[in-house]
């Protein structure tokens, strides 16, 4: 028997200052990608839509790779969702950024689906060392 136990039974450690700063940076980058994607998707439809969704997917998967866990994909996805939701609200003057068209809805729904897919595909936490192999 090993002394490591199940990963689920181990207590979570608070992230270090560097890791917390990395998550914050990924969150801000997600918001920037969401704002830029909302402008590009309607300007160069349909190529802009694909470019915006590919940018979000790249950032989420890259964040998961950089952090080494799914949290690296969730942080930019949360920033993206926050920026896009704030940009969908109309202003008191009647100005708005998103028009009522198929491209806008594809961007909103496709972006949320992309975020979920990337968070699911992101590498989960894996135990380290030789003791984690069975029968060793």
N, C-alpha and C. Protein backbone atom coordinates (compact mmCIF):
# COMPACT_ATOMS: atom_id res chain seq x y z
N UNK A 1 0.85 -1.18 0.00
CA UNK A 1 0.00 0.00 0.00
C UNK A 1 0.89 1.24 0.00
N UNK A 2 0.45 2.25 -0.67
CA UNK A 2 1.21 3.49 -0.65
C UNK A 2 0.58 4.46 0.34
N UNK A 3 1.33 5.45 0.74
CA UNK A 3 0.87 6.42 1.72
C UNK A 3 0.23 7.64 1.07
N UNK A 4 0.16 7.66 -0.24
CA UNK A 4 -0.34 8.84 -0.93
C UNK A 4 -1.85 8.95 -0.87
N UNK A 5 -2.56 7.86 -0.87
CA UNK A 5 -4.02 7.89 -0.85
C UNK A 5 -4.58 8.38 -2.18
N UNK A 6 -5.86 8.51 -2.21
CA UNK A 6 -6.53 8.99 -3.41
C UNK A 6 -6.32 10.49 -3.56
N UNK A 7 -6.25 10.93 -4.81
CA UNK A 7 -6.12 12.37 -5.05
C UNK A 7 -7.33 13.12 -4.53
N UNK A 8 -8.49 12.49 -4.57
CA UNK A 8 -9.71 13.15 -4.11
C UNK A 8 -9.73 13.30 -2.60
N UNK A 9 -9.01 12.44 -1.89
CA UNK A 9 -9.01 12.49 -0.43
C UNK A 9 -7.97 13.47 0.11
N UNK A 10 -7.09 13.96 -0.74
CA UNK A 10 -6.06 14.87 -0.28
C UNK A 10 -6.60 16.29 -0.20
N UNK A 11 -6.21 17.05 0.81
CA UNK A 11 -6.71 18.43 0.93
C UNK A 11 -6.10 19.30 -0.16
N UNK A 12 -6.87 20.31 -0.58
CA UNK A 12 -6.38 21.25 -1.58
C UNK A 12 -5.46 22.26 -0.93
N UNK A 13 -4.38 22.58 -1.61
CA UNK A 13 -3.46 23.58 -1.11
C UNK A 13 -3.81 24.92 -1.76
N UNK A 14 -3.59 26.00 -1.03
CA UNK A 14 -3.81 27.33 -1.59
C UNK A 14 -2.74 27.58 -2.65
N UNK A 15 -3.12 28.22 -3.75
CA UNK A 15 -2.13 28.46 -4.80
C UNK A 15 -1.07 29.45 -4.32
N UNK A 16 0.12 29.29 -4.84
CA UNK A 16 1.20 30.22 -4.49
C UNK A 16 0.92 31.58 -5.13
N UNK A 17 1.69 32.57 -4.75
CA UNK A 17 1.48 33.92 -5.28
C UNK A 17 1.73 33.95 -6.79
N UNK A 18 2.73 33.22 -7.25
CA UNK A 18 3.01 33.18 -8.69
C UNK A 18 1.89 32.52 -9.47
N UNK A 19 1.36 31.44 -8.93
CA UNK A 19 0.27 30.74 -9.61
C UNK A 19 -0.99 31.59 -9.61
N UNK A 20 -1.27 32.28 -8.50
CA UNK A 20 -2.44 33.16 -8.44
C UNK A 20 -2.30 34.31 -9.44
N UNK A 21 -1.09 34.83 -9.59
CA UNK A 21 -0.84 35.88 -10.57
C UNK A 21 -1.02 35.35 -11.99
N UNK A 22 -0.62 34.11 -12.22
CA UNK A 22 -0.81 33.48 -13.52
C UNK A 22 -2.30 33.33 -13.84
N UNK A 23 -3.09 32.90 -12.85
CA UNK A 23 -4.54 32.79 -13.06
C UNK A 23 -5.16 34.15 -13.34
N UNK A 24 -4.72 35.18 -12.62
CA UNK A 24 -5.24 36.52 -12.85
C UNK A 24 -4.88 37.01 -14.25
N UNK A 25 -3.65 36.75 -14.67
CA UNK A 25 -3.23 37.13 -16.02
C UNK A 25 -4.04 36.40 -17.09
N UNK A 26 -4.32 35.13 -16.88
CA UNK A 26 -5.13 34.37 -17.83
C UNK A 26 -6.57 34.90 -17.86
N UNK A 27 -7.10 35.31 -16.70
CA UNK A 27 -8.43 35.90 -16.64
C UNK A 27 -8.49 37.19 -17.46
N UNK A 28 -7.49 38.06 -17.27
CA UNK A 28 -7.45 39.33 -18.01
C UNK A 28 -7.26 39.07 -19.51
N UNK A 29 -6.41 38.13 -19.87
CA UNK A 29 -6.24 37.79 -21.28
C UNK A 29 -7.53 37.25 -21.88
N UNK A 30 -8.28 36.47 -21.11
CA UNK A 30 -9.57 35.98 -21.58
C UNK A 30 -10.54 37.11 -21.85
N UNK A 31 -10.54 38.13 -20.98
CA UNK A 31 -11.41 39.29 -21.19
C UNK A 31 -10.99 40.06 -22.44
N UNK A 32 -9.68 40.19 -22.66
CA UNK A 32 -9.19 40.90 -23.86
C UNK A 32 -9.56 40.12 -25.12
N UNK A 33 -9.39 38.82 -25.10
CA UNK A 33 -9.74 37.99 -26.26
C UNK A 33 -11.24 38.05 -26.52
N UNK A 34 -12.05 38.08 -25.47
CA UNK A 34 -13.49 38.19 -25.64
C UNK A 34 -13.89 39.52 -26.25
N UNK A 35 -13.27 40.61 -25.79
CA UNK A 35 -13.58 41.93 -26.34
C UNK A 35 -13.12 42.04 -27.80
N UNK A 36 -11.92 41.56 -28.07
CA UNK A 36 -11.41 41.60 -29.45
C UNK A 36 -12.24 40.70 -30.36
N UNK A 37 -12.60 39.54 -29.88
CA UNK A 37 -13.41 38.62 -30.68
C UNK A 37 -14.78 39.17 -30.98
N UNK A 38 -15.36 39.93 -30.05
CA UNK A 38 -16.68 40.50 -30.31
C UNK A 38 -16.62 41.55 -31.40
N UNK A 39 -15.48 42.20 -31.56
CA UNK A 39 -15.33 43.17 -32.65
C UNK A 39 -15.01 42.50 -33.98
N UNK A 40 -14.17 41.48 -33.94
CA UNK A 40 -13.72 40.81 -35.15
C UNK A 40 -14.80 39.93 -35.77
N UNK A 41 -15.61 39.28 -34.93
CA UNK A 41 -16.57 38.30 -35.43
C UNK A 41 -17.60 38.91 -36.38
N UNK A 42 -17.99 40.15 -36.14
CA UNK A 42 -18.98 40.75 -37.04
C UNK A 42 -18.32 41.50 -38.19
N UNK A 43 -17.09 41.93 -38.00
CA UNK A 43 -16.41 42.68 -39.04
C UNK A 43 -15.98 41.84 -40.23
N UNK A 44 -15.58 40.62 -40.00
CA UNK A 44 -15.09 39.75 -41.08
C UNK A 44 -15.86 38.45 -41.10
N UNK A 45 -17.16 38.51 -41.04
CA UNK A 45 -17.96 37.28 -41.00
C UNK A 45 -17.80 36.51 -42.30
N UNK A 46 -17.65 35.22 -42.32
CA UNK A 46 -17.57 34.22 -41.27
C UNK A 46 -16.15 33.95 -40.79
N UNK A 47 -15.16 34.49 -41.50
CA UNK A 47 -13.77 34.25 -41.10
C UNK A 47 -13.45 34.84 -39.74
N UNK A 48 -14.02 36.00 -39.44
CA UNK A 48 -13.79 36.63 -38.15
C UNK A 48 -14.36 35.82 -37.00
N UNK A 49 -15.50 35.20 -37.25
CA UNK A 49 -16.10 34.33 -36.23
C UNK A 49 -15.19 33.15 -35.92
N UNK A 50 -14.69 32.52 -36.96
CA UNK A 50 -13.78 31.38 -36.77
C UNK A 50 -12.49 31.82 -36.09
N UNK A 51 -11.99 32.99 -36.47
CA UNK A 51 -10.76 33.51 -35.86
C UNK A 51 -10.98 33.81 -34.37
N UNK A 52 -12.13 34.39 -34.02
CA UNK A 52 -12.42 34.71 -32.63
C UNK A 52 -12.54 33.45 -31.79
N UNK A 53 -13.23 32.45 -32.31
CA UNK A 53 -13.39 31.20 -31.56
C UNK A 53 -12.08 30.43 -31.47
N UNK A 54 -11.27 30.49 -32.52
CA UNK A 54 -9.96 29.82 -32.48
C UNK A 54 -9.03 30.52 -31.49
N UNK A 55 -9.13 31.84 -31.38
CA UNK A 55 -8.33 32.57 -30.40
C UNK A 55 -8.69 32.19 -28.98
N UNK A 56 -9.99 32.05 -28.73
CA UNK A 56 -10.42 31.64 -27.39
C UNK A 56 -9.97 30.21 -27.08
N UNK A 57 -10.12 29.32 -28.05
CA UNK A 57 -9.71 27.92 -27.83
C UNK A 57 -8.21 27.83 -27.59
N UNK A 58 -7.44 28.58 -28.35
CA UNK A 58 -5.99 28.57 -28.16
C UNK A 58 -5.58 29.09 -26.80
N UNK A 59 -6.24 30.16 -26.35
CA UNK A 59 -5.91 30.71 -25.04
C UNK A 59 -6.30 29.75 -23.92
N UNK A 60 -7.46 29.14 -24.02
CA UNK A 60 -7.90 28.21 -22.96
C UNK A 60 -7.02 26.98 -22.90
N UNK A 61 -6.72 26.39 -24.04
CA UNK A 61 -5.86 25.20 -24.04
C UNK A 61 -4.43 25.55 -23.65
N UNK A 62 -3.94 26.71 -24.10
CA UNK A 62 -2.61 27.15 -23.71
C UNK A 62 -2.52 27.43 -22.22
N UNK A 63 -3.59 28.01 -21.66
CA UNK A 63 -3.62 28.26 -20.22
C UNK A 63 -3.61 26.97 -19.43
N UNK A 64 -4.37 25.97 -19.90
CA UNK A 64 -4.37 24.67 -19.22
C UNK A 64 -3.00 24.04 -19.28
N UNK A 65 -2.31 24.21 -20.38
CA UNK A 65 -0.97 23.66 -20.54
C UNK A 65 0.04 24.37 -19.64
N UNK A 66 -0.10 25.72 -19.58
CA UNK A 66 0.85 26.51 -18.79
C UNK A 66 0.70 26.24 -17.29
N UNK A 67 -0.53 26.09 -16.84
CA UNK A 67 -0.77 25.87 -15.42
C UNK A 67 -0.60 24.40 -15.06
N UNK A 68 -0.91 23.53 -16.01
CA UNK A 68 -0.82 22.10 -15.74
C UNK A 68 -2.09 21.54 -15.13
N UNK A 69 -3.20 22.19 -15.38
CA UNK A 69 -4.48 21.72 -14.86
C UNK A 69 -5.63 22.44 -15.53
N UNK A 70 -6.83 22.00 -15.21
CA UNK A 70 -8.02 22.57 -15.84
C UNK A 70 -8.29 24.00 -15.41
N UNK A 71 -7.77 24.40 -14.28
CA UNK A 71 -7.95 25.77 -13.82
C UNK A 71 -7.36 26.78 -14.79
N UNK A 72 -6.34 26.37 -15.51
CA UNK A 72 -5.73 27.24 -16.52
C UNK A 72 -6.62 27.46 -17.72
N UNK A 73 -7.58 26.58 -17.94
CA UNK A 73 -8.55 26.78 -19.02
C UNK A 73 -9.79 27.51 -18.51
N UNK A 74 -10.10 27.34 -17.24
CA UNK A 74 -11.30 27.97 -16.68
C UNK A 74 -11.08 29.46 -16.48
N UNK A 75 -9.89 29.88 -16.08
CA UNK A 75 -9.62 31.30 -15.82
C UNK A 75 -9.84 32.17 -17.06
N UNK A 76 -9.24 31.85 -18.22
CA UNK A 76 -9.52 32.69 -19.38
C UNK A 76 -10.95 32.56 -19.88
N UNK A 77 -11.55 31.40 -19.69
CA UNK A 77 -12.95 31.23 -20.10
C UNK A 77 -13.85 32.13 -19.26
N UNK A 78 -13.56 32.25 -17.97
CA UNK A 78 -14.36 33.13 -17.11
C UNK A 78 -14.18 34.59 -17.52
N UNK A 79 -12.96 34.98 -17.84
CA UNK A 79 -12.71 36.34 -18.32
C UNK A 79 -13.43 36.61 -19.64
N UNK A 80 -13.42 35.63 -20.53
CA UNK A 80 -14.10 35.76 -21.82
C UNK A 80 -15.60 35.95 -21.62
N UNK A 81 -16.19 35.10 -20.78
CA UNK A 81 -17.64 35.17 -20.55
C UNK A 81 -18.01 36.51 -19.91
N UNK A 82 -17.23 36.96 -18.95
CA UNK A 82 -17.54 38.22 -18.30
C UNK A 82 -17.47 39.38 -19.29
N UNK A 83 -16.44 39.42 -20.11
CA UNK A 83 -16.30 40.51 -21.09
C UNK A 83 -17.44 40.48 -22.10
N UNK A 84 -17.77 39.32 -22.60
CA UNK A 84 -18.81 39.21 -23.63
C UNK A 84 -20.18 39.55 -23.05
N UNK A 85 -20.46 39.09 -21.85
CA UNK A 85 -21.75 39.41 -21.23
C UNK A 85 -21.86 40.91 -20.99
N UNK A 86 -20.79 41.55 -20.52
CA UNK A 86 -20.83 43.00 -20.32
C UNK A 86 -20.99 43.75 -21.64
N UNK A 87 -20.43 43.21 -22.71
CA UNK A 87 -20.54 43.89 -24.01
C UNK A 87 -21.90 43.67 -24.68
N UNK A 88 -22.65 42.67 -24.25
CA UNK A 88 -23.97 42.45 -24.85
C UNK A 88 -25.02 43.40 -24.29
N UNK A 89 -24.77 43.97 -23.13
CA UNK A 89 -25.74 44.89 -22.53
C UNK A 89 -25.78 46.19 -23.32
N UNK A 90 -26.98 46.68 -23.58
CA UNK A 90 -27.10 47.95 -24.29
C UNK A 90 -26.91 49.10 -23.31
N UNK A 91 -26.43 50.20 -23.83
CA UNK A 91 -26.18 51.37 -23.01
C UNK A 91 -27.42 52.24 -22.95
N UNK A 92 -27.51 53.16 -21.99
CA UNK A 92 -28.69 54.03 -21.89
C UNK A 92 -28.93 54.88 -23.14
N UNK A 93 -27.87 55.18 -23.87
CA UNK A 93 -28.02 55.96 -25.10
C UNK A 93 -28.61 55.14 -26.24
N UNK A 94 -28.73 53.85 -26.03
CA UNK A 94 -29.27 52.97 -27.07
C UNK A 94 -28.20 52.30 -27.91
N UNK A 95 -26.92 52.56 -27.61
CA UNK A 95 -25.82 51.94 -28.34
C UNK A 95 -25.65 50.50 -27.89
N UNK A 96 -25.23 49.66 -28.82
CA UNK A 96 -24.92 48.28 -28.47
C UNK A 96 -23.85 47.77 -29.41
N UNK A 97 -23.18 46.74 -29.00
CA UNK A 97 -22.07 46.20 -29.78
C UNK A 97 -22.49 45.01 -30.62
N UNK A 98 -23.40 44.20 -30.09
CA UNK A 98 -23.84 43.01 -30.80
C UNK A 98 -25.16 43.29 -31.52
N UNK A 99 -25.22 42.95 -32.78
CA UNK A 99 -26.47 43.02 -33.51
C UNK A 99 -27.24 41.73 -33.35
N UNK A 100 -28.51 41.79 -33.68
CA UNK A 100 -29.36 40.59 -33.58
C UNK A 100 -29.24 39.80 -34.87
N UNK A 101 -28.17 39.05 -34.99
CA UNK A 101 -27.95 38.24 -36.19
C UNK A 101 -27.42 36.87 -35.82
N UNK A 102 -27.36 36.04 -36.81
CA UNK A 102 -26.89 34.66 -36.58
C UNK A 102 -25.43 34.63 -36.13
N UNK A 103 -24.61 35.54 -36.66
CA UNK A 103 -23.21 35.57 -36.29
C UNK A 103 -22.99 35.87 -34.81
N UNK A 104 -23.77 36.81 -34.28
CA UNK A 104 -23.64 37.15 -32.86
C UNK A 104 -24.04 35.98 -31.97
N UNK A 105 -25.11 35.32 -32.34
CA UNK A 105 -25.55 34.17 -31.53
C UNK A 105 -24.57 33.01 -31.65
N UNK A 106 -24.01 32.81 -32.83
CA UNK A 106 -23.00 31.77 -32.99
C UNK A 106 -21.75 32.08 -32.17
N UNK A 107 -21.40 33.36 -32.11
CA UNK A 107 -20.24 33.76 -31.31
C UNK A 107 -20.50 33.50 -29.82
N UNK A 108 -21.66 33.90 -29.34
CA UNK A 108 -21.98 33.71 -27.92
C UNK A 108 -22.06 32.24 -27.54
N UNK A 109 -22.86 31.50 -28.28
CA UNK A 109 -23.03 30.08 -27.95
C UNK A 109 -21.80 29.25 -28.29
N UNK A 110 -21.17 29.56 -29.42
CA UNK A 110 -19.95 28.84 -29.80
C UNK A 110 -18.81 29.11 -28.84
N UNK A 111 -18.72 30.34 -28.35
CA UNK A 111 -17.68 30.67 -27.38
C UNK A 111 -17.87 29.96 -26.06
N UNK A 112 -19.11 29.88 -25.62
CA UNK A 112 -19.38 29.16 -24.37
C UNK A 112 -19.12 27.66 -24.54
N UNK A 113 -19.51 27.12 -25.68
CA UNK A 113 -19.24 25.70 -25.94
C UNK A 113 -17.74 25.44 -26.04
N UNK A 114 -17.02 26.35 -26.68
CA UNK A 114 -15.56 26.22 -26.78
C UNK A 114 -14.92 26.24 -25.41
N UNK A 115 -15.40 27.12 -24.53
CA UNK A 115 -14.84 27.20 -23.18
C UNK A 115 -15.07 25.90 -22.41
N UNK A 116 -16.26 25.34 -22.55
CA UNK A 116 -16.56 24.08 -21.85
C UNK A 116 -15.72 22.94 -22.40
N UNK A 117 -15.59 22.89 -23.72
CA UNK A 117 -14.79 21.83 -24.34
C UNK A 117 -13.33 21.95 -23.92
N UNK A 118 -12.79 23.16 -23.92
CA UNK A 118 -11.38 23.35 -23.55
C UNK A 118 -11.15 23.02 -22.08
N UNK A 119 -12.10 23.39 -21.22
CA UNK A 119 -11.95 23.07 -19.80
C UNK A 119 -12.03 21.57 -19.57
N UNK A 120 -12.81 20.89 -20.38
CA UNK A 120 -12.93 19.44 -20.26
C UNK A 120 -11.68 18.75 -20.80
N UNK A 121 -11.14 19.25 -21.90
CA UNK A 121 -9.96 18.64 -22.50
C UNK A 121 -8.67 19.01 -21.79
N UNK A 122 -8.69 20.09 -21.01
CA UNK A 122 -7.48 20.52 -20.31
C UNK A 122 -6.97 19.42 -19.40
N UNK A 123 -5.68 19.37 -19.25
CA UNK A 123 -5.07 18.32 -18.44
C UNK A 123 -5.50 18.45 -16.99
N UNK A 124 -5.98 17.37 -16.44
CA UNK A 124 -6.33 17.36 -15.02
C UNK A 124 -5.10 17.18 -14.17
N UNK A 125 -5.26 17.34 -12.87
CA UNK A 125 -4.12 17.15 -11.97
C UNK A 125 -3.75 15.68 -11.95
N UNK A 126 -2.49 15.41 -12.09
CA UNK A 126 -1.99 14.05 -12.07
C UNK A 126 -0.96 13.93 -10.96
N UNK A 127 -1.00 12.85 -10.21
CA UNK A 127 0.02 12.66 -9.17
C UNK A 127 1.38 12.40 -9.80
N UNK A 128 2.41 12.80 -9.11
CA UNK A 128 3.78 12.64 -9.60
C UNK A 128 4.47 11.47 -8.91
N UNK A 129 5.49 10.98 -9.54
CA UNK A 129 6.36 9.99 -8.92
C UNK A 129 6.05 8.57 -9.37
N UNK A 130 6.94 7.65 -8.94
CA UNK A 130 6.79 6.25 -9.32
C UNK A 130 5.75 5.52 -8.49
N UNK A 131 5.43 6.05 -7.32
CA UNK A 131 4.50 5.36 -6.42
C UNK A 131 3.06 5.35 -6.94
N UNK A 132 2.77 6.15 -7.95
CA UNK A 132 1.41 6.22 -8.44
C UNK A 132 1.10 5.10 -9.43
N UNK A 133 2.10 4.40 -9.89
CA UNK A 133 1.87 3.30 -10.82
C UNK A 133 1.39 2.08 -10.06
N UNK A 134 0.46 1.39 -10.62
CA UNK A 134 -0.09 0.20 -9.98
C UNK A 134 0.93 -0.93 -9.97
N UNK A 135 0.90 -1.73 -8.93
CA UNK A 135 1.74 -2.92 -8.77
C UNK A 135 3.23 -2.60 -8.88
N UNK A 136 3.63 -1.58 -8.30
CA UNK A 136 5.05 -1.26 -8.34
C UNK A 136 5.61 -1.15 -6.95
